[in-house]
Protein backbone atom coordinates (compact mmCIF):
# COMPACT_ATOMS: atom_id res chain seq x y z
CA MET A 1 -17.99 -20.38 26.16
CA LYS A 2 -20.17 -19.30 23.18
CA ARG A 3 -23.04 -18.22 25.67
CA ILE A 4 -20.26 -16.05 27.44
CA TRP A 5 -18.81 -14.45 24.35
CA PHE A 6 -22.14 -13.64 22.96
CA SER A 7 -23.30 -11.83 26.30
CA VAL A 8 -20.09 -9.89 25.88
CA CYS A 9 -20.74 -8.74 22.21
CA LEU A 10 -24.16 -7.72 23.32
CA LEU A 11 -22.91 -5.88 26.34
CA ALA A 12 -20.34 -3.99 23.97
CA GLY A 13 -23.19 -2.81 21.88
CA SER A 14 -25.53 -1.94 24.56
CA LEU A 15 -23.57 -0.47 27.41
CA PHE A 16 -22.89 2.93 26.00
CA ALA A 17 -26.53 3.86 24.81
CA PRO A 18 -27.73 5.67 28.01
CA LEU A 19 -24.43 7.57 28.44
CA GLN A 20 -24.25 11.38 28.42
CA ALA A 21 -22.88 12.23 24.94
CA SER A 22 -19.94 14.27 24.27
CA ALA A 23 -17.58 14.88 21.31
CA GLN A 24 -14.68 16.83 23.00
CA LEU A 25 -11.60 15.66 21.36
CA SER A 26 -9.32 17.59 23.48
CA SER A 27 -10.73 16.00 26.71
CA ALA A 28 -10.52 12.55 25.28
CA GLU A 29 -6.77 12.89 24.55
CA VAL A 30 -6.23 14.20 28.06
CA LEU A 31 -8.02 11.20 29.45
CA LEU A 32 -5.89 8.92 27.41
CA GLN A 33 -2.78 10.56 28.42
CA GLU A 34 -3.63 10.51 32.32
CA MET A 35 -4.29 6.71 31.74
CA GLY A 36 -0.91 6.35 30.09
CA ASN A 37 0.75 8.35 32.97
CA ALA A 38 -1.16 6.37 35.67
CA THR A 39 -0.26 2.99 34.49
CA ARG A 40 3.42 4.15 34.62
CA SER A 41 3.65 5.99 37.73
CA LEU A 42 1.19 4.54 40.23
CA THR A 43 1.91 1.84 42.69
CA TYR A 44 -1.13 -0.85 42.28
CA GLU A 45 -2.47 -4.18 41.57
CA LEU A 46 -5.01 -5.29 38.82
CA ALA A 47 -6.49 -8.71 38.66
CA PHE A 48 -8.23 -8.94 35.27
CA ILE A 49 -9.52 -11.31 32.62
CA ASN A 50 -8.91 -11.33 28.83
CA LEU A 51 -11.70 -12.69 26.89
CA ASN A 52 -11.79 -13.73 23.26
CA PRO A 53 -14.05 -16.24 21.26
CA GLN A 54 -11.36 -19.01 21.98
CA ALA A 55 -10.52 -18.52 25.86
CA ILE A 56 -10.81 -16.69 29.02
CA VAL A 57 -7.54 -15.94 30.69
CA SER A 58 -7.21 -14.70 34.45
CA VAL A 59 -4.11 -12.52 35.14
CA ARG A 60 -2.75 -10.58 38.00
CA TYR A 61 -0.52 -7.49 37.07
CA ARG A 62 1.54 -5.48 39.74
CA HIS A 63 3.36 -2.21 39.28
CA ALA A 64 5.61 -0.07 41.49
CA ILE A 65 8.33 2.73 41.10
CA ILE A 66 11.14 1.44 43.65
CA ASN A 67 14.07 3.77 44.04
CA GLY A 68 13.10 5.53 40.64
CA ILE A 69 12.98 2.19 38.81
CA PRO A 70 9.85 0.64 37.31
CA ILE A 71 9.02 -2.82 38.67
CA ALA A 72 6.20 -4.88 37.49
CA GLN A 73 5.02 -8.45 37.52
CA ILE A 74 2.33 -10.02 35.41
CA MET A 75 1.20 -13.83 36.14
CA GLN A 76 -1.10 -16.22 34.35
CA MET A 77 -3.45 -17.40 37.22
CA ASP A 78 -4.69 -20.35 35.63
CA GLY A 79 -2.82 -23.28 33.87
CA SER A 80 1.02 -23.03 33.71
CA ARG A 81 1.24 -19.92 35.75
CA ARG A 82 3.39 -18.29 33.16
CA GLU A 83 5.03 -15.16 34.86
CA VAL A 84 6.80 -12.11 33.35
CA VAL A 85 8.73 -9.61 35.50
CA GLN A 86 10.13 -6.38 34.78
CA ARG A 87 13.01 -4.46 36.54
CA GLY A 88 14.13 -1.27 34.76
CA ASN A 89 14.60 -2.09 31.05
CA GLU A 90 15.01 -6.06 31.50
CA ILE A 91 11.87 -8.06 30.99
CA SER A 92 12.28 -11.57 32.03
CA TYR A 93 10.08 -14.47 31.18
CA PHE A 94 9.60 -17.62 33.35
CA GLU A 95 7.47 -20.52 32.31
CA PRO A 96 7.47 -24.06 33.68
CA GLY A 97 9.61 -26.61 31.55
CA LEU A 98 11.17 -23.82 29.62
CA ASP A 99 14.43 -21.93 30.24
CA ALA A 100 14.01 -18.60 31.57
CA PHE A 101 15.47 -15.55 29.58
CA SER A 102 15.33 -11.77 29.53
CA LEU A 103 14.73 -9.09 26.90
CA SER A 104 15.28 -5.37 26.69
CA GLY A 105 11.96 -3.37 26.89
CA ASN A 106 10.14 -0.55 28.28
CA HIS A 107 7.16 -2.36 29.73
CA ILE A 108 5.52 -5.78 29.79
CA ILE A 109 3.65 -6.45 26.28
CA ASP A 110 2.07 -9.71 27.24
CA TYR A 111 -1.66 -9.91 28.42
CA LEU A 112 -1.99 -6.03 28.32
CA PRO A 113 -3.74 -4.16 25.57
CA ALA A 114 -1.20 -2.26 23.33
CA VAL A 115 -3.23 0.97 23.71
CA ILE A 116 -2.35 1.34 27.34
CA PHE A 117 1.13 2.07 26.57
CA ALA A 118 0.34 3.85 23.13
CA ASP A 119 2.10 7.26 22.30
CA PHE A 120 -1.38 9.10 21.77
CA ASN A 121 0.27 12.29 20.40
CA GLN A 122 1.65 10.22 17.41
CA LEU A 123 -1.64 8.25 17.08
CA LYS A 124 -3.97 11.24 16.80
CA LYS A 125 -2.66 11.54 13.27
CA TYR A 126 -4.26 8.38 12.29
CA TYR A 127 -7.19 7.98 14.87
CA ASN A 128 -10.03 9.90 16.27
CA PHE A 129 -10.20 10.12 20.22
CA ILE A 130 -13.84 10.56 21.27
CA ASP A 131 -14.94 11.52 24.77
CA VAL A 132 -18.42 9.43 25.03
CA GLY A 133 -19.28 10.20 28.56
CA ARG A 134 -19.67 8.66 32.00
CA THR A 135 -20.64 5.37 33.31
CA HIS A 136 -19.96 3.11 36.19
CA ILE A 137 -18.48 -0.32 36.24
CA GLY A 138 -17.88 -2.61 39.30
CA ASP A 139 -19.44 0.45 41.11
CA ARG A 140 -16.41 2.54 40.03
CA PRO A 141 -17.30 5.84 38.06
CA CYS A 142 -15.60 5.81 34.51
CA ARG A 143 -14.94 8.00 31.68
CA VAL A 144 -15.50 6.17 28.27
CA VAL A 145 -13.27 6.88 25.42
CA ARG A 146 -13.66 5.72 21.80
CA ILE A 147 -10.54 5.46 19.62
CA THR A 148 -11.54 5.05 15.91
CA SER A 149 -9.22 4.98 12.93
CA LYS A 150 -9.66 7.85 10.36
CA ASP A 151 -9.45 5.74 7.24
CA GLU A 152 -11.88 3.00 8.73
CA VAL A 153 -9.35 0.06 7.61
CA ARG A 154 -8.30 -0.65 11.07
CA TYR A 155 -9.77 -1.99 14.36
CA ASN A 156 -11.39 0.40 17.05
CA TYR A 157 -11.11 0.64 20.85
CA ILE A 158 -13.67 1.71 23.67
CA LEU A 159 -11.88 2.31 26.94
CA LEU A 160 -13.47 2.67 30.38
CA ILE A 161 -11.08 4.80 32.52
CA ASP A 162 -11.38 5.06 36.36
CA GLU A 163 -12.17 8.74 37.21
CA GLU A 164 -10.19 8.70 40.19
CA THR A 165 -7.10 6.60 39.65
CA HIS A 166 -7.17 6.95 35.87
CA LEU A 167 -6.40 3.39 35.50
CA PRO A 168 -7.95 1.36 32.86
CA LEU A 169 -11.01 -0.78 33.93
CA ARG A 170 -12.33 -2.22 30.69
CA ILE A 171 -10.81 -2.24 27.15
CA ASP A 172 -12.81 -3.40 24.18
CA LEU A 173 -11.20 -4.12 20.75
CA LEU A 174 -14.02 -3.92 18.11
CA ASP A 175 -14.15 -4.67 14.53
CA ARG A 176 -15.40 -2.15 11.78
CA ASP A 177 -18.92 -3.51 12.76
CA SER A 178 -18.72 -2.78 16.43
CA GLU A 179 -18.41 -6.48 17.14
CA ALA A 180 -16.16 -7.46 20.08
CA LEU A 181 -12.93 -9.10 19.02
CA GLU A 182 -11.25 -9.34 22.72
CA GLN A 183 -11.86 -7.57 26.05
CA PHE A 184 -9.78 -6.63 28.86
CA ARG A 185 -11.83 -6.53 32.07
CA VAL A 186 -10.50 -5.73 35.51
CA VAL A 187 -12.27 -7.51 38.41
CA SER A 188 -10.48 -6.02 41.42
CA SER A 189 -7.95 -3.42 41.92
CA THR A 190 -5.64 -2.17 44.73
CA ILE A 191 -3.76 1.12 45.01
CA ASP A 192 -0.65 1.27 47.24
CA GLY A 193 -1.39 -1.11 50.06
CA ASP A 194 1.38 -3.54 50.73
CA ILE A 195 2.39 -3.84 46.77
CA ASN A 196 5.65 -1.97 47.30
CA ASP A 197 6.90 -4.54 49.95
CA ALA A 198 5.86 -7.51 47.63
CA MET A 199 7.60 -6.00 44.60
CA SER A 200 10.76 -5.15 46.58
CA VAL A 201 11.84 -8.89 46.21
CA ILE A 202 12.24 -8.42 42.48
CA THR A 203 15.04 -5.78 42.95
CA ARG A 204 17.26 -8.35 44.58
CA LEU A 205 16.32 -10.94 41.99
CA ASN A 206 18.87 -12.69 39.79
CA MET A 207 17.41 -11.89 36.58
CA PRO A 208 17.92 -14.55 33.72
CA PRO A 209 20.41 -13.80 30.86
CA MET A 210 19.37 -11.59 28.30
CA LEU A 211 18.41 -13.13 25.00
CA VAL A 212 20.73 -11.61 22.35
CA ILE A 213 18.79 -10.80 19.35
CA PRO A 214 20.91 -10.05 16.28
CA PRO A 215 20.36 -6.61 14.57
CA SER A 216 17.73 -6.50 11.74
CA GLU A 217 19.14 -7.70 8.13
CA LYS A 218 19.71 -5.08 5.68
CA VAL A 219 18.36 -7.34 3.03
CA VAL A 220 17.07 -6.63 -0.40
CA PHE A 221 13.98 -8.57 -1.62
CA ASN A 222 12.87 -8.93 -5.19
CA TRP A 223 9.36 -8.06 -3.99
CA LYS A 224 7.88 -4.80 -2.31
CA VAL A 225 4.57 -3.83 -0.32
CA GLY A 226 2.33 -1.55 -2.16
CA LYS A 227 0.13 1.28 -0.38
CA LEU A 228 -0.27 0.79 3.29
CA PRO A 229 -2.88 2.25 5.66
CA THR A 230 -1.52 5.83 6.45
CA GLY A 231 1.00 5.70 9.58
CA PHE A 232 2.09 1.92 9.07
CA VAL A 233 6.13 2.01 8.68
CA GLU A 234 8.46 -0.99 8.34
CA VAL A 235 10.06 -1.64 11.83
CA SER A 236 12.16 -4.89 10.67
CA ARG A 237 12.99 -7.38 7.88
CA SER A 238 14.52 -10.89 7.86
CA ARG A 239 15.26 -13.70 5.58
CA ARG A 240 15.46 -17.51 6.92
CA LYS A 241 15.90 -20.76 5.50
CA LEU A 242 13.28 -23.28 5.79
CA SER A 243 13.77 -27.09 6.32
CA ASN A 244 12.65 -27.84 2.77
CA SER A 245 15.45 -25.78 1.17
CA GLY A 246 13.42 -22.81 0.79
CA THR A 247 13.29 -19.38 2.21
CA LEU A 248 10.94 -17.07 4.13
CA GLU A 249 11.23 -13.45 3.74
CA SER A 250 9.42 -11.20 6.21
CA VAL A 251 8.92 -7.52 6.75
CA MET A 252 7.08 -6.16 9.99
CA PHE A 253 5.01 -3.02 9.75
CA SER A 254 3.45 -1.11 12.81
CA ASP A 255 1.62 2.16 13.38
CA GLY A 256 2.27 2.22 16.97
CA LEU A 257 -1.03 0.55 17.99
CA PHE A 258 -1.49 -2.40 15.66
CA SER A 259 1.25 -4.58 13.89
CA PHE A 260 1.48 -7.04 11.02
CA SER A 261 4.01 -8.87 8.95
CA VAL A 262 4.13 -9.69 5.27
CA ASN A 263 5.83 -13.10 4.23
CA VAL A 264 6.73 -14.44 1.06
CA THR A 265 7.66 -18.15 0.35
CA ASN A 266 7.87 -20.29 -2.65
CA ALA A 267 4.37 -21.58 -3.51
CA ASP A 268 3.31 -25.00 -2.94
CA LYS A 269 1.80 -26.27 -5.92
CA THR A 270 -0.70 -28.46 -3.91
CA GLY A 271 -1.75 -25.55 -1.71
CA LYS A 272 -4.91 -23.41 -1.81
CA LEU A 273 -5.00 -20.38 -3.97
CA GLU A 274 -6.55 -18.37 -1.15
CA TYR A 275 -6.75 -19.10 2.62
CA PRO A 276 -8.43 -16.61 5.15
CA LEU A 277 -8.38 -17.13 8.89
CA ARG A 278 -9.30 -14.98 11.81
CA ARG A 279 -9.02 -15.62 15.46
CA GLY A 280 -9.89 -12.88 17.67
CA ALA A 281 -8.11 -9.75 16.57
CA ARG A 282 -5.35 -11.74 14.62
CA THR A 283 -5.96 -12.24 10.95
CA ILE A 284 -4.01 -14.76 8.67
CA TYR A 285 -4.53 -14.49 5.09
CA SER A 286 -2.48 -16.30 2.24
CA ALA A 287 -2.95 -16.00 -1.48
CA ILE A 288 -0.75 -17.52 -4.33
CA ARG A 289 0.99 -14.82 -6.58
CA GLY A 290 2.57 -16.70 -9.34
CA ALA A 291 5.41 -18.82 -8.22
CA ASN A 292 5.03 -17.45 -4.60
CA GLU A 293 2.82 -17.53 -1.65
CA VAL A 294 2.19 -14.12 0.07
CA THR A 295 0.88 -14.38 3.66
CA ILE A 296 0.03 -11.65 6.07
CA ILE A 297 -0.40 -12.10 9.78
CA GLY A 298 -1.21 -9.50 12.27
CA GLU A 299 -3.89 -7.42 13.74
CA LEU A 300 -5.87 -6.16 10.81
CA PRO A 301 -9.43 -6.47 9.43
CA LEU A 302 -9.55 -9.40 6.67
CA ALA A 303 -10.43 -6.75 4.05
CA THR A 304 -7.44 -4.81 4.54
CA ALA A 305 -5.33 -7.81 4.73
CA LYS A 306 -6.47 -8.86 1.44
CA ARG A 307 -5.90 -5.32 -0.27
CA ILE A 308 -2.30 -5.37 1.21
CA VAL A 309 -1.58 -8.86 -0.33
CA ALA A 310 -2.86 -7.76 -3.52
CA GLY A 311 -0.84 -4.77 -3.67
CA VAL A 312 2.59 -6.82 -3.18
CA ALA A 313 4.54 -6.53 -6.45
CA PHE A 314 7.44 -8.77 -7.51
CA ILE A 315 10.21 -7.10 -9.32
CA GLY A 316 10.83 -8.42 -12.88
CA ALA A 317 7.49 -10.16 -12.87
CA ASP A 318 4.96 -9.99 -15.81
């Protein structure tokens, strides 16, 4: 595993050296918009792998539009054969040994990089879109686009987009040192074919019941988060009781591409003053602030997570 991931990191740094350079921002945005449109409108199947330092996961994704309704299916090909199905705005989850359930949503988010379904018109306020040039992957001609944060406190992307179909063939998530954190890589693709016939079964499927999620509580905390990277806004907050009679207060933030939560609990007197951990793109960072423990969990560089935790202010605290 380490040898494979080391090779991926080397490839991420070396693949684009011989490319024909270009810095036409407008063409990069057009390429990204075309990718978003293709993934939502075409009838296709992608077999791909997700790579990160901990695992390699094989996945198959199918998508079609039947009678004007988006139909999609994603299945993990190894292990438990976990399956997620979309019919319109219903997203249903099936996993051996667990009760199936449905959620409301516009697309399947599991296994697929968030950048595929992003609102690029909104993201261009906070990110640079750079048309790097052309290359080939799996004998397919591709356009290469870099997405870099303007404030340099977020992760970056490199996307290889099929010139003919506009579907993504490879997506690398990079840290600020251009080291690969995760990779989405298509190993085979099919356009049209018999996919419509295979997916028509889903139109007749009895979907599992919708999971009712209560509306976000309008709770007021005695703490607030200080300055955030530009573009991150609060999307939800909650308070939950813990088994030890304490409480967990959480606020979720997103910029439309990455997300993270800030969580506050009573501090454990025997706990560490600071606890940093990064697994792939996910960072977990905890720090003791007086009588409280502040933990940030999400898709952020560790240095950014530390600054956000340090900026949490407790009302009435000295």
